[in-house]
């Protein structure tokens, strides 16, 4: 599993589908590569514009996860 932080979602649109979409964009992966998503933390950030900020654990397909970690070094 990979921990992804600072997934920012508009306060009016906090659906799980929107969170998945943001994670897919942040990790630059295909939607089929995302197997599982678990919300670890949900908080409201009201410093500038009000939005939810999520911390999530994601499970990716093995080959994608391997490539992801190879490219991050």
Protein backbone atom coordinates (compact mmCIF):
# COMPACT_ATOMS: atom_id res chain seq x y z
CA UNK A 1 0.00 0.00 0.00
CA UNK A 2 1.05 3.55 -0.70
CA UNK A 3 0.14 6.48 1.55
CA UNK A 4 -0.96 9.57 -0.35
CA UNK A 5 -1.34 12.86 1.50
CA UNK A 6 -2.91 16.23 0.75
CA UNK A 7 -5.69 15.11 -1.54
CA UNK A 8 -7.68 18.33 -1.74
CA UNK A 9 -11.38 18.10 -2.56
CA UNK A 10 -13.93 20.90 -2.82
CA UNK A 11 -16.20 21.16 0.22
CA UNK A 12 -19.34 20.65 -1.91
CA UNK A 13 -18.01 17.58 -3.73
CA UNK A 14 -16.57 15.09 -1.28
CA UNK A 15 -17.68 11.89 -2.99
CA UNK A 16 -15.42 8.84 -2.98
CA UNK A 17 -15.31 9.00 -6.78
CA UNK A 18 -13.88 12.53 -6.64
CA UNK A 19 -11.24 11.39 -4.13
CA UNK A 20 -10.28 8.46 -6.39
CA UNK A 21 -10.04 10.80 -9.37
CA UNK A 22 -7.72 13.15 -7.45
CA UNK A 23 -5.50 10.25 -6.33
CA UNK A 24 -5.27 8.92 -9.89
CA UNK A 25 -4.27 12.38 -11.13
CA UNK A 26 -1.72 12.87 -8.35
CA UNK A 27 -0.05 9.49 -8.92
CA UNK A 28 -0.38 9.77 -12.71
CA UNK A 29 -1.79 6.26 -13.12
CA UNK A 30 -4.69 4.68 -15.02
CA UNK A 31 -7.96 4.21 -13.17
CA UNK A 32 -7.73 0.44 -13.74
CA UNK A 33 -4.45 0.35 -11.78
CA UNK A 34 -6.13 1.45 -8.58
CA UNK A 35 -7.36 -1.64 -6.71
CA UNK A 36 -8.29 -0.27 -3.31
CA UNK A 37 -8.54 3.09 -1.54
CA UNK A 38 -8.92 3.59 2.23
CA UNK A 39 -9.40 7.00 3.82
CA UNK A 40 -7.04 7.33 6.79
CA UNK A 41 -7.68 10.96 7.71
CA UNK A 42 -10.19 13.63 6.73
CA UNK A 43 -9.71 17.24 7.75
CA UNK A 44 -11.02 20.65 6.76
CA UNK A 45 -8.52 23.23 5.57
CA UNK A 46 -9.93 26.74 5.92
CA UNK A 47 -6.76 28.80 5.47
CA UNK A 48 -7.58 30.21 2.02
CA UNK A 49 -10.46 28.52 0.30
CA UNK A 50 -12.33 25.96 2.37
CA UNK A 51 -11.75 22.38 1.23
CA UNK A 52 -11.34 18.88 2.60
CA UNK A 53 -7.87 17.45 2.79
CA UNK A 54 -7.52 13.66 2.80
CA UNK A 55 -4.80 11.21 3.63
CA UNK A 56 -5.43 7.85 1.98
CA UNK A 57 -3.84 4.44 1.58
CA UNK A 58 -4.03 3.02 -1.92
CA UNK A 59 -3.35 -0.43 -3.24
CA UNK A 60 -2.14 -0.59 -6.84
CA UNK A 61 -1.54 -3.44 -9.22
CA UNK A 62 1.85 -4.99 -8.49
CA UNK A 63 3.54 -3.98 -11.72
CA UNK A 64 2.36 -0.37 -11.40
CA UNK A 65 3.50 -0.18 -7.78
CA UNK A 66 6.93 -1.51 -8.77
CA UNK A 67 7.27 1.06 -11.58
CA UNK A 68 6.05 3.82 -9.27
CA UNK A 69 8.78 3.13 -6.72
CA UNK A 70 11.46 2.72 -9.37
CA UNK A 71 10.68 6.16 -10.80
CA UNK A 72 10.59 7.87 -7.41
CA UNK A 73 14.27 7.26 -6.63
